[in-house]
Amino acid sequence: MKVGGLFAGIGGIELGFKKAGFNISWANEIDKNACITYRLNHKHTLFEKDLNELETSEVEKIDILTGGFPCQAFSIAGHQKGFRDDRGNVFFEILRFIDDLEPKIVFLENVKNLVGHDKGKTFERITYEFQERGYTLKYDVLNSSEYGNVPQNRERIYIVAFKDSQIAERFTFPKPKQLRKKVTDFIDSQADEKYYYTNSRYYEQLKDEMKNKDTVYQWRRVYVRENKSKLCPTLTANMGTGGHNVPLIIDDKDIRKLTPRECARFQGYDETFSFPEKLANSSLYKQIGNSVTVPVIEAIAKEIKKAING
């Protein structure tokens, strides 16, 4: 079955579906730097333009439409404007593609707060729009640490809508899997000097408070937060810009922040996934924070395939 992806970023959803055995036909992404990374790792067609400007007649008809549509409009960390935010309004652009392409299945990913946003009215509207089009909608909130075997605390809502109610009936979200990997499996023993906090004005405070090599810390403006569950906190798009979102670790040498490659590992990207050398680290951090946890996507895609095959 053919897959088309909206809001593709660096292609985490497409990669997950590909690993599950689906064929990726095309994808769409507006961020020019994300597109550079995407093209480095994927061979299929990528439409680099604003979704509002992408005509449905330009793309090949597909069986499954996917999209990790912008979450900032619904995020607790943002202003939660929802559909009043331009980023929230892109949901109606997704509906345009659903109406014109008539995919058998639609797969969407967003922040878990989408369910409770605006006292549940936002999700009610989403559900209504799918039901009006004859889709059966299923959703669940999954944590990457419980479903992807990666030690990152990342809760996201996954929505799967089926045109065929019998396939929908057969579909179930994947069962939790035991977390066997540790934070130390994802970090290198040492990194480039630029990642270390040795010359930071906060270094002495960090050294006093950071003692555990087995977990990831965050600088929260005036104090250090240790993840007691020995997980990496949710990776965000602005984690590479400093401030309170920088994930910190202790390696064999000293205190430093995670490198882009290490962040990619915490999202389930293996070493074969390439990052352009010419892009700034801030751009790479943004791309990874905006992405998805690939093994979770793969697990859901496998369940979709199982439901299709009966």
C-alpha atoms as a PDB file:
ATOM      1  CA  MET A   1       0.000   0.000   0.000  1.00  0.00           C
ATOM      2  CA  LYS A   2       1.186   3.500  -0.839  1.00  0.00           C
ATOM      3  CA  VAL A   3       1.766   6.187   1.783  1.00  0.00           C
ATOM      4  CA  GLY A   4       1.795   9.982   1.404  1.00  0.00           C
ATOM      5  CA  GLY A   5       3.068  12.195   4.215  1.00  0.00           C
ATOM      6  CA  LEU A   6       2.164  15.731   5.257  1.00  0.00           C
ATOM      7  CA  PHE A   7       4.310  17.796   7.666  1.00  0.00           C
ATOM      8  CA  ALA A   8       7.061  15.282   7.065  1.00  0.00           C
ATOM      9  CA  GLY A   9       9.914  17.030   8.897  1.00  0.00           C
ATOM     10  CA  ILE A  10      12.956  14.799   8.464  1.00  0.00           C
ATOM     11  CA  GLY A  11      10.783  11.790   7.677  1.00  0.00           C
ATOM     12  CA  GLY A  12      10.363   9.919  10.957  1.00  0.00           C
ATOM     13  CA  ILE A  13       6.794   8.812  10.217  1.00  0.00           C
ATOM     14  CA  GLU A  14       7.706   7.807   6.674  1.00  0.00           C
ATOM     15  CA  LEU A  15      10.706   5.858   7.982  1.00  0.00           C
ATOM     16  CA  GLY A  16       8.551   4.041  10.527  1.00  0.00           C
ATOM     17  CA  PHE A  17       6.013   3.035   7.869  1.00  0.00           C
ATOM     18  CA  LYS A  18       8.803   2.000   5.507  1.00  0.00           C
ATOM     19  CA  LYS A  19      10.318  -0.235   8.209  1.00  0.00           C
ATOM     20  CA  ALA A  20       6.870  -1.807   8.621  1.00  0.00           C
ATOM     21  CA  GLY A  21       6.820  -2.710   4.925  1.00  0.00           C
ATOM     22  CA  PHE A  22       4.822   0.106   3.342  1.00  0.00           C
ATOM     23  CA  ASN A  23       5.793   1.967   0.162  1.00  0.00           C
ATOM     24  CA  ILE A  24       6.263   5.719   0.534  1.00  0.00           C
ATOM     25  CA  SER A  25       5.030   7.600  -2.535  1.00  0.00           C
ATOM     26  CA  TRP A  26       5.626  11.240  -1.561  1.00  0.00           C
ATOM     27  CA  ALA A  27       5.892  13.699   1.298  1.00  0.00           C
ATOM     28  CA  ASN A  28       5.467  17.422   1.953  1.00  0.00           C
ATOM     29  CA  GLU A  29       7.536  19.730   4.157  1.00  0.00           C
ATOM     30  CA  ILE A  30       7.971  23.514   4.270  1.00  0.00           C
ATOM     31  CA  ASP A  31      11.133  23.917   6.382  1.00  0.00           C
ATOM     32  CA  LYS A  32      14.069  24.228   3.984  1.00  0.00           C
ATOM     33  CA  ASN A  33      16.650  22.790   6.377  1.00  0.00           C
ATOM     34  CA  ALA A  34      14.450  19.829   7.276  1.00  0.00           C
ATOM     35  CA  CYS A  35      14.055  19.240   3.533  1.00  0.00           C
ATOM     36  CA  ILE A  36      17.845  19.061   3.135  1.00  0.00           C
ATOM     37  CA  THR A  37      18.000  16.331   5.783  1.00  0.00           C
ATOM     38  CA  TYR A  38      14.948  14.594   4.319  1.00  0.00           C
ATOM     39  CA  ARG A  39      16.416  14.368   0.819  1.00  0.00           C
ATOM     40  CA  LEU A  40      19.680  13.039   2.214  1.00  0.00           C
ATOM     41  CA  ASN A  41      17.838  10.034   3.652  1.00  0.00           C
ATOM     42  CA  HIS A  42      14.819   9.413   1.417  1.00  0.00           C
ATOM     43  CA  LYS A  43      14.606   8.817  -2.325  1.00  0.00           C
ATOM     44  CA  HIS A  44      10.895   9.401  -2.961  1.00  0.00           C
ATOM     45  CA  THR A  45       9.351  12.701  -4.062  1.00  0.00           C
ATOM     46  CA  LEU A  46       9.384  15.561  -1.573  1.00  0.00           C
ATOM     47  CA  PHE A  47       7.236  18.627  -2.198  1.00  0.00           C
ATOM     48  CA  GLU A  48       9.011  21.538  -0.541  1.00  0.00           C
ATOM     49  CA  LYS A  49       6.264  24.107  -0.129  1.00  0.00           C
ATOM     50  CA  ASP A  50       3.574  25.423   2.175  1.00  0.00           C
ATOM     51  CA  LEU A  51       0.753  22.899   2.432  1.00  0.00           C
ATOM     52  CA  ASN A  52      -1.718  25.655   1.548  1.00  0.00           C
ATOM     53  CA  GLU A  53       0.027  25.947  -1.814  1.00  0.00           C
ATOM     54  CA  LEU A  54       0.255  22.219  -2.537  1.00  0.00           C
ATOM     55  CA  GLU A  55      -2.524  21.125  -4.864  1.00  0.00           C
ATOM     56  CA  THR A  56      -3.917  17.634  -4.392  1.00  0.00           C
ATOM     57  CA  SER A  57      -3.690  17.212  -8.166  1.00  0.00           C
ATOM     58  CA  GLU A  58       0.119  17.425  -7.888  1.00  0.00           C
ATOM     59  CA  VAL A  59       0.463  14.297  -5.765  1.00  0.00           C
ATOM     60  CA  GLU A  60      -0.101  10.627  -6.488  1.00  0.00           C
ATOM     61  CA  LYS A  61      -3.192   8.987  -5.015  1.00  0.00           C
ATOM     62  CA  ILE A  62      -2.276   6.990  -1.939  1.00  0.00           C
ATOM     63  CA  ASP A  63      -3.854   4.429   0.401  1.00  0.00           C
ATOM     64  CA  ILE A  64      -2.590   5.918   3.651  1.00  0.00           C
ATOM     65  CA  LEU A  65      -2.230   9.618   4.459  1.00  0.00           C
ATOM     66  CA  THR A  66       0.054  10.465   7.381  1.00  0.00           C
ATOM     67  CA  GLY A  67       0.967  13.642   9.215  1.00  0.00           C
ATOM     68  CA  GLY A  68       2.583  14.846  12.418  1.00  0.00           C
ATOM     69  CA  PHE A  69       0.793  18.170  12.178  1.00  0.00           C
ATOM     70  CA  PRO A  70       2.100  21.174  14.165  1.00  0.00           C
ATOM     71  CA  CYS A  71       1.569  20.638  17.859  1.00  0.00           C
ATOM     72  CA  GLN A  72       2.424  24.080  19.231  1.00  0.00           C
ATOM     73  CA  ALA A  73      -1.163  25.272  18.849  1.00  0.00           C
ATOM     74  CA  PHE A  74      -2.320  22.585  21.294  1.00  0.00           C
ATOM     75  CA  SER A  75       0.745  22.190  23.521  1.00  0.00           C
ATOM     76  CA  ILE A  76       0.732  23.016  27.223  1.00  0.00           C
ATOM     77  CA  ALA A  77       4.139  24.598  26.625  1.00  0.00           C
ATOM     78  CA  GLY A  78       2.643  26.908  23.993  1.00  0.00           C
ATOM     79  CA  HIS A  79      -0.307  29.293  24.129  1.00  0.00           C
ATOM     80  CA  GLN A  80      -2.922  26.579  23.430  1.00  0.00           C
ATOM     81  CA  LYS A  81      -4.829  28.630  20.881  1.00  0.00           C
ATOM     82  CA  GLY A  82      -5.769  25.512  18.928  1.00  0.00           C
ATOM     83  CA  PHE A  83      -7.816  26.164  15.812  1.00  0.00           C
ATOM     84  CA  ARG A  84      -7.498  29.917  16.458  1.00  0.00           C
ATOM     85  CA  ASP A  85      -3.789  29.523  15.736  1.00  0.00           C
ATOM     86  CA  ASP A  86      -2.627  29.318  12.107  1.00  0.00           C
ATOM     87  CA  ARG A  87      -0.743  26.148  13.029  1.00  0.00           C
ATOM     88  CA  GLY A  88      -3.982  24.630  14.306  1.00  0.00           C
ATOM     89  CA  ASN A  89      -5.832  25.616  11.159  1.00  0.00           C
ATOM     90  CA  VAL A  90      -3.644  23.281   9.103  1.00  0.00           C
ATOM     91  CA  PHE A  91      -5.939  20.485  10.265  1.00  0.00           C
ATOM     92  CA  PHE A  92      -8.461  21.760   7.738  1.00  0.00           C
ATOM     93  CA  GLU A  93      -5.799  21.514   5.037  1.00  0.00           C
ATOM     94  CA  ILE A  94      -5.437  17.852   6.004  1.00  0.00           C
ATOM     95  CA  LEU A  95      -9.182  17.495   5.454  1.00  0.00           C
ATOM     96  CA  ARG A  96      -8.740  18.938   1.960  1.00  0.00           C
ATOM     97  CA  PHE A  97      -6.324  16.139   1.131  1.00  0.00           C
ATOM     98  CA  ILE A  98      -8.620  13.548   2.681  1.00  0.00           C
ATOM     99  CA  ASP A  99     -11.569  14.813   0.619  1.00  0.00           C
ATOM    100  CA  ASP A 100      -9.640  14.812  -2.659  1.00  0.00           C
ATOM    101  CA  LEU A 101      -7.425  11.751  -2.265  1.00  0.00           C
ATOM    102  CA  GLU A 102      -9.900   9.567  -0.329  1.00  0.00           C
ATOM    103  CA  PRO A 103      -7.242   7.515   1.502  1.00  0.00           C
ATOM    104  CA  LYS A 104      -8.340   4.250   3.090  1.00  0.00           C
ATOM    105  CA  ILE A 105      -6.468   5.129   6.278  1.00  0.00           C
ATOM    106  CA  VAL A 106      -5.318   8.366   7.913  1.00  0.00           C
ATOM    107  CA  PHE A 107      -2.557   8.398  10.537  1.00  0.00           C
ATOM    108  CA  LEU A 108      -1.916  11.514  12.660  1.00  0.00           C
ATOM    109  CA  GLU A 109       0.424  12.325  15.545  1.00  0.00           C
ATOM    110  CA  ASN A 110       0.275  15.209  18.013  1.00  0.00           C
ATOM    111  CA  VAL A 111       0.838  16.209  21.641  1.00  0.00           C
ATOM    112  CA  LYS A 112      -1.213  14.327  24.225  1.00  0.00           C
ATOM    113  CA  ASN A 113      -2.877  17.592  25.277  1.00  0.00           C
ATOM    114  CA  LEU A 114      -4.837  17.550  22.020  1.00  0.00           C
ATOM    115  CA  VAL A 115      -7.485  15.365  23.711  1.00  0.00           C
ATOM    116  CA  GLY A 116      -8.182  17.815  26.523  1.00  0.00           C
ATOM    117  CA  HIS A 117      -7.583  21.035  24.610  1.00  0.00           C
ATOM    118  CA  ASP A 118     -10.380  23.615  24.968  1.00  0.00           C
ATOM    119  CA  LYS A 119     -12.219  21.298  27.396  1.00  0.00           C
ATOM    120  CA  GLY A 120     -12.304  18.532  24.803  1.00  0.00           C
ATOM    121  CA  LYS A 121     -14.002  20.619  22.111  1.00  0.00           C
ATOM    122  CA  THR A 122     -11.013  20.504  19.736  1.00  0.00           C
ATOM    123  CA  PHE A 123     -10.869  16.724  19.723  1.00  0.00           C
ATOM    124  CA  GLU A 124     -14.656  16.521  19.421  1.00  0.00           C
ATOM    125  CA  ARG A 125     -14.372  18.608  16.244  1.00  0.00           C
ATOM    126  CA  ILE A 126     -11.624  16.368  14.860  1.00  0.00           C
ATOM    127  CA  THR A 127     -13.697  13.272  15.611  1.00  0.00           C
ATOM    128  CA  TYR A 128     -16.772  14.844  14.017  1.00  0.00           C
ATOM    129  CA  GLU A 129     -14.913  15.729  10.805  1.00  0.00           C
ATOM    130  CA  PHE A 130     -13.684  12.154  10.401  1.00  0.00           C
ATOM    131  CA  GLN A 131     -17.060  10.604  11.160  1.00  0.00           C
ATOM    132  CA  GLU A 132     -18.764  12.915   8.666  1.00  0.00           C
ATOM    133  CA  ARG A 133     -16.423  11.483   6.029  1.00  0.00           C
ATOM    134  CA  GLY A 134     -17.231   7.901   6.936  1.00  0.00           C
ATOM    135  CA  TYR A 135     -14.111   7.098   8.952  1.00  0.00           C
ATOM    136  CA  THR A 136     -13.902   5.068  12.134  1.00  0.00           C
ATOM    137  CA  LEU A 137     -11.441   6.797  14.427  1.00  0.00           C
ATOM    138  CA  LYS A 138      -9.169   5.154  16.989  1.00  0.00           C
ATOM    139  CA  TYR A 139      -6.624   6.907  19.170  1.00  0.00           C
ATOM    140  CA  ASP A 140      -4.307   6.348  22.096  1.00  0.00           C
ATOM    141  CA  VAL A 141      -1.577   8.167  24.016  1.00  0.00           C
ATOM    142  CA  LEU A 142       1.697   6.220  23.950  1.00  0.00           C
ATOM    143  CA  ASN A 143       4.981   6.961  25.707  1.00  0.00           C
ATOM    144  CA  SER A 144       8.179   6.309  23.749  1.00  0.00           C
ATOM    145  CA  SER A 145       9.786   4.700  26.801  1.00  0.00           C
ATOM    146  CA  GLU A 146       6.952   2.159  27.031  1.00  0.00           C
ATOM    147  CA  TYR A 147       6.365   1.403  23.355  1.00  0.00           C
ATOM    148  CA  GLY A 148       9.621   2.161  21.517  1.00  0.00           C
ATOM    149  CA  ASN A 149      12.302   0.654  23.758  1.00  0.00           C
ATOM    150  CA  VAL A 150      14.034   4.036  23.926  1.00  0.00           C
ATOM    151  CA  PRO A 151      14.582   5.758  27.296  1.00  0.00           C
ATOM    152  CA  GLN A 152      12.823   9.004  26.420  1.00  0.00           C
ATOM    153  CA  ASN A 153       9.771  10.221  28.311  1.00  0.00           C
ATOM    154  CA  ARG A 154       7.698  11.332  25.319  1.00  0.00           C
ATOM    155  CA  GLU A 155       3.912  11.049  25.426  1.00  0.00           C
ATOM    156  CA  ARG A 156       2.105  11.616  22.142  1.00  0.00           C
ATOM    157  CA  ILE A 157      -1.396  10.988  20.855  1.00  0.00           C
ATOM    158  CA  TYR A 158      -1.675   8.752  17.795  1.00  0.00           C
ATOM    159  CA  ILE A 159      -4.852   8.855  15.725  1.00  0.00           C
ATOM    160  CA  VAL A 160      -5.696   6.194  13.160  1.00  0.00           C
ATOM    161  CA  ALA A 161      -8.846   6.603  11.060  1.00  0.00           C
ATOM    162  CA  PHE A 162     -10.164   3.804   8.840  1.00  0.00           C
ATOM    163  CA  LYS A 163     -12.579   4.008   5.928  1.00  0.00           C
ATOM    164  CA  ASP A 164     -13.290   0.288   6.274  1.00  0.00           C
ATOM    165  CA  SER A 165     -14.993  -0.383   9.618  1.00  0.00           C
ATOM    166  CA  GLN A 166     -13.990  -4.057   9.555  1.00  0.00           C
ATOM    167  CA  ILE A 167     -10.312  -3.167   9.309  1.00  0.00           C
ATOM    168  CA  ALA A 168     -10.864  -0.644  12.111  1.00  0.00           C
ATOM    169  CA  GLU A 169     -12.404  -3.379  14.237  1.00  0.00           C
ATOM    170  CA  ARG A 170      -9.361  -5.590  13.732  1.00  0.00           C
ATOM    171  CA  PHE A 171      -6.895  -2.824  14.559  1.00  0.00           C
ATOM    172  CA  THR A 172      -5.440  -2.484  18.033  1.00  0.00           C
ATOM    173  CA  PHE A 173      -2.623  -0.281  19.202  1.00  0.00           C
ATOM    174  CA  PRO A 174       0.605  -2.126  20.017  1.00  0.00           C
ATOM    175  CA  LYS A 175       1.116  -3.588  23.453  1.00  0.00           C
ATOM    176  CA  PRO A 176       3.753  -2.046  25.741  1.00  0.00           C
ATOM    177  CA  LYS A 177       7.238  -3.483  25.465  1.00  0.00           C
ATOM    178  CA  GLN A 178       9.774  -3.771  28.225  1.00  0.00           C
ATOM    179  CA  LEU A 179      12.383  -1.007  28.227  1.00  0.00           C
ATOM    180  CA  ARG A 180      15.681  -2.840  27.944  1.00  0.00           C
ATOM    181  CA  LYS A 181      17.911   0.037  26.884  1.00  0.00           C
ATOM    182  CA  LYS A 182      19.482   2.539  29.252  1.00  0.00           C
ATOM    183  CA  VAL A 183      20.453   6.184  28.823  1.00  0.00           C
ATOM    184  CA  THR A 184      24.114   5.133  28.779  1.00  0.00           C
ATOM    185  CA  ASP A 185      23.435   2.987  25.680  1.00  0.00           C
ATOM    186  CA  PHE A 186      22.654   6.181  23.755  1.00  0.00           C
ATOM    187  CA  ILE A 187      25.461   8.495  24.766  1.00  0.00           C
ATOM    188  CA  ASP A 188      29.086   8.590  23.661  1.00  0.00           C
ATOM    189  CA  SER A 189      31.911   8.450  26.202  1.00  0.00           C
ATOM    190  CA  GLN A 190      33.154  11.857  25.022  1.00  0.00           C
ATOM    191  CA  ALA A 191      32.106  14.593  22.588  1.00  0.00           C
ATOM    192  CA  ASP A 192      33.499  17.654  20.868  1.00  0.00           C
ATOM    193  CA  GLU A 193      34.675  20.366  23.256  1.00  0.00           C
ATOM    194  CA  LYS A 194      31.877  22.745  22.203  1.00  0.00           C
ATOM    195  CA  TYR A 195      29.257  20.596  23.958  1.00  0.00           C
ATOM    196  CA  TYR A 196      30.844  20.879  27.410  1.00  0.00           C
ATOM    197  CA  TYR A 197      29.782  23.322  30.120  1.00  0.00           C
ATOM    198  CA  THR A 198      33.235  23.701  31.665  1.00  0.00           C
ATOM    199  CA  ASN A 199      33.307  27.434  30.876  1.00  0.00           C
ATOM    200  CA  SER A 200      29.665  28.072  31.722  1.00  0.00           C
ATOM    201  CA  ARG A 201      28.841  30.426  34.592  1.00  0.00           C
ATOM    202  CA  TYR A 202      26.559  27.652  35.857  1.00  0.00           C
ATOM    203  CA  TYR A 203      29.306  25.027  35.863  1.00  0.00           C
ATOM    204  CA  GLU A 204      29.949  24.999  39.633  1.00  0.00           C
ATOM    205  CA  GLN A 205      26.237  24.695  40.399  1.00  0.00           C
ATOM    206  CA  LEU A 206      25.866  21.941  37.808  1.00  0.00           C
ATOM    207  CA  LYS A 207      28.820  20.075  39.274  1.00  0.00           C
ATOM    208  CA  ASP A 208      27.312  20.297  42.762  1.00  0.00           C
ATOM    209  CA  GLU A 209      23.930  18.967  41.668  1.00  0.00           C
ATOM    210  CA  MET A 210      24.735  16.540  38.831  1.00  0.00           C
ATOM    211  CA  LYS A 211      26.097  13.266  40.224  1.00  0.00           C
ATOM    212  CA  ASN A 212      24.381  10.472  38.281  1.00  0.00           C
ATOM    213  CA  LYS A 213      25.783   9.244  34.963  1.00  0.00           C
ATOM    214  CA  ASP A 214      22.772   7.009  34.329  1.00  0.00           C
ATOM    215  CA  THR A 215      20.216   9.702  33.609  1.00  0.00           C
ATOM    216  CA  VAL A 216      19.638  13.026  31.832  1.00  0.00           C
ATOM    217  CA  TYR A 217      19.320  16.425  33.501  1.00  0.00           C
ATOM    218  CA  GLN A 218      17.753  19.742  32.539  1.00  0.00           C
ATOM    219  CA  TRP A 219      18.750  23.249  33.535  1.00  0.00           C
ATOM    220  CA  ARG A 220      15.513  24.911  34.655  1.00  0.00           C
ATOM    221  CA  ARG A 221      16.544  28.593  34.714  1.00  0.00           C
ATOM    222  CA  VAL A 222      17.685  28.603  38.355  1.00  0.00           C
ATOM    223  CA  TYR A 223      18.009  24.938  39.282  1.00  0.00           C
ATOM    224  CA  VAL A 224      18.897  21.538  37.868  1.00  0.00           C
ATOM    225  CA  ARG A 225      16.251  18.865  37.394  1.00  0.00           C
ATOM    226  CA  GLU A 226      17.295  15.227  37.487  1.00  0.00           C
ATOM    227  CA  ASN A 227      15.090  12.648  35.769  1.00  0.00           C
ATOM    228  CA  LYS A 228      14.599  10.182  38.616  1.00  0.00           C
ATOM    229  CA  SER A 229      13.176   7.584  36.229  1.00  0.00           C
ATOM    230  CA  LYS A 230      16.524   7.490  34.429  1.00  0.00           C
ATOM    231  CA  LEU A 231      14.942   8.623  31.184  1.00  0.00           C
ATOM    232  CA  CYS A 232      15.710  11.400  28.763  1.00  0.00           C
ATOM    233  CA  PRO A 233      13.097  14.171  29.120  1.00  0.00           C
ATOM    234  CA  THR A 234      10.931  14.989  26.109  1.00  0.00           C
ATOM    235  CA  LEU A 235      13.159  16.357  23.365  1.00  0.00           C
ATOM    236  CA  THR A 236      11.856  19.690  22.078  1.00  0.00           C
ATOM    237  CA  ALA A 237      12.451  21.828  19.016  1.00  0.00           C
ATOM    238  CA  ASN A 238      14.095  24.608  21.033  1.00  0.00           C
ATOM    239  CA  MET A 239      16.373  22.384  23.114  1.00  0.00           C
ATOM    240  CA  GLY A 240      19.460  23.501  21.204  1.00  0.00           C
ATOM    241  CA  THR A 241      18.908  27.203  21.762  1.00  0.00           C
ATOM    242  CA  GLY A 242      19.871  27.182  25.440  1.00  0.00           C
ATOM    243  CA  GLY A 243      17.726  28.103  28.414  1.00  0.00           C
ATOM    244  CA  HIS A 244      15.647  25.597  30.328  1.00  0.00           C
ATOM    245  CA  ASN A 245      15.293  22.965  27.590  1.00  0.00           C
ATOM    246  CA  VAL A 246      18.910  21.862  27.235  1.00  0.00           C
ATOM    247  CA  PRO A 247      19.303  18.138  28.083  1.00  0.00           C
ATOM    248  CA  LEU A 248      22.497  17.622  30.104  1.00  0.00           C
ATOM    249  CA  ILE A 249      24.537  14.520  30.905  1.00  0.00           C
ATOM    250  CA  ILE A 250      27.738  13.491  32.616  1.00  0.00           C
ATOM    251  CA  ASP A 251      30.055  11.535  30.340  1.00  0.00           C
ATOM    252  CA  ASP A 252      33.500  10.059  31.060  1.00  0.00           C
ATOM    253  CA  LYS A 253      35.046  13.503  30.675  1.00  0.00           C
ATOM    254  CA  ASP A 254      32.683  16.078  32.195  1.00  0.00           C
ATOM    255  CA  ILE A 255      29.261  17.753  32.104  1.00  0.00           C
ATOM    256  CA  ARG A 256      27.838  18.513  28.670  1.00  0.00           C
ATOM    257  CA  LYS A 257      24.663  18.695  26.636  1.00  0.00           C
ATOM    258  CA  LEU A 258      23.491  15.928  24.339  1.00  0.00           C
ATOM    259  CA  THR A 259      24.838  16.052  20.800  1.00  0.00           C
ATOM    260  CA  PRO A 260      22.431  16.049  17.839  1.00  0.00           C
ATOM    261  CA  ARG A 261      23.418  12.440  17.082  1.00  0.00           C
ATOM    262  CA  GLU A 262      22.613  11.358  20.631  1.00  0.00           C
ATOM    263  CA  CYS A 263      19.253  13.157  20.456  1.00  0.00           C
ATOM    264  CA  ALA A 264      18.533  11.305  17.205  1.00  0.00           C
ATOM    265  CA  ARG A 265      19.238   8.011  18.970  1.00  0.00           C
ATOM    266  CA  PHE A 266      16.725   8.943  21.674  1.00  0.00           C
ATOM    267  CA  GLN A 267      14.197   9.335  18.838  1.00  0.00           C
ATOM    268  CA  GLY A 268      15.023   5.876  17.536  1.00  0.00           C
ATOM    269  CA  TYR A 269      17.103   6.901  14.516  1.00  0.00           C
ATOM    270  CA  ASP A 270      19.980   4.501  13.914  1.00  0.00           C
ATOM    271  CA  GLU A 271      23.508   5.391  12.820  1.00  0.00           C
ATOM    272  CA  THR A 272      22.670   5.009   9.122  1.00  0.00           C
ATOM    273  CA  PHE A 273      20.453   8.102   9.269  1.00  0.00           C
ATOM    274  CA  SER A 274      22.516  11.012   7.966  1.00  0.00           C
ATOM    275  CA  PHE A 275      22.600  14.668   8.966  1.00  0.00           C
ATOM    276  CA  PRO A 276      23.972  17.367   6.616  1.00  0.00           C
ATOM    277  CA  GLU A 277      27.365  18.619   7.744  1.00  0.00           C
ATOM    278  CA  LYS A 278      26.650  22.166   6.584  1.00  0.00           C
ATOM    279  CA  LEU A 279      23.619  22.692   8.830  1.00  0.00           C
ATOM    280  CA  ALA A 280      24.030  24.429  12.192  1.00  0.00           C
ATOM    281  CA  ASN A 281      23.489  22.335  15.309  1.00  0.00           C
ATOM    282  CA  SER A 282      20.580  24.563  16.327  1.00  0.00           C
ATOM    283  CA  SER A 283      18.812  23.504  13.139  1.00  0.00           C
ATOM    284  CA  LEU A 284      19.552  19.814  13.770  1.00  0.00           C
ATOM    285  CA  TYR A 285      18.240  20.021  17.338  1.00  0.00           C
ATOM    286  CA  LYS A 286      15.071  21.655  16.036  1.00  0.00           C
ATOM    287  CA  GLN A 287      14.573  18.944  13.417  1.00  0.00           C
ATOM    288  CA  ILE A 288      15.042  16.129  15.919  1.00  0.00           C
ATOM    289  CA  GLY A 289      12.847  17.753  18.568  1.00  0.00           C
ATOM    290  CA  ASN A 290      10.101  18.261  15.985  1.00  0.00           C
ATOM    291  CA  SER A 291      10.369  14.644  14.864  1.00  0.00           C
ATOM    292  CA  VAL A 292       8.792  11.440  16.153  1.00  0.00           C
ATOM    293  CA  THR A 293      10.098   8.329  17.869  1.00  0.00           C
ATOM    294  CA  VAL A 294      10.569   6.025  14.890  1.00  0.00           C
ATOM    295  CA  PRO A 295      10.149   2.638  16.666  1.00  0.00           C
ATOM    296  CA  VAL A 296       6.756   3.728  18.042  1.00  0.00           C
ATOM    297  CA  ILE A 297       5.607   4.675  14.532  1.00  0.00           C
ATOM    298  CA  GLU A 298       6.896   1.346  13.194  1.00  0.00           C
ATOM    299  CA  ALA A 299       5.034  -0.591  15.911  1.00  0.00           C
ATOM    300  CA  ILE A 300       1.732   1.161  15.104  1.00  0.00           C
ATOM    301  CA  ALA A 301       2.292   0.752  11.338  1.00  0.00           C
ATOM    302  CA  LYS A 302       2.815  -2.997  11.839  1.00  0.00           C
ATOM    303  CA  GLU A 303      -0.504  -3.216  13.668  1.00  0.00           C
ATOM    304  CA  ILE A 304      -2.170  -1.311  10.817  1.00  0.00           C
ATOM    305  CA  LYS A 305      -0.689  -3.792   8.338  1.00  0.00           C
ATOM    306  CA  LYS A 306      -1.890  -6.696  10.448  1.00  0.00           C
ATOM    307  CA  ALA A 307      -5.438  -5.268  10.499  1.00  0.00           C
ATOM    308  CA  ILE A 308      -5.381  -4.746   6.702  1.00  0.00           C
ATOM    309  CA  ASN A 309      -4.269  -8.317   6.071  1.00  0.00           C
ATOM    310  CA  GLY A 310      -6.949  -9.662   8.375  1.00  0.00           C
END
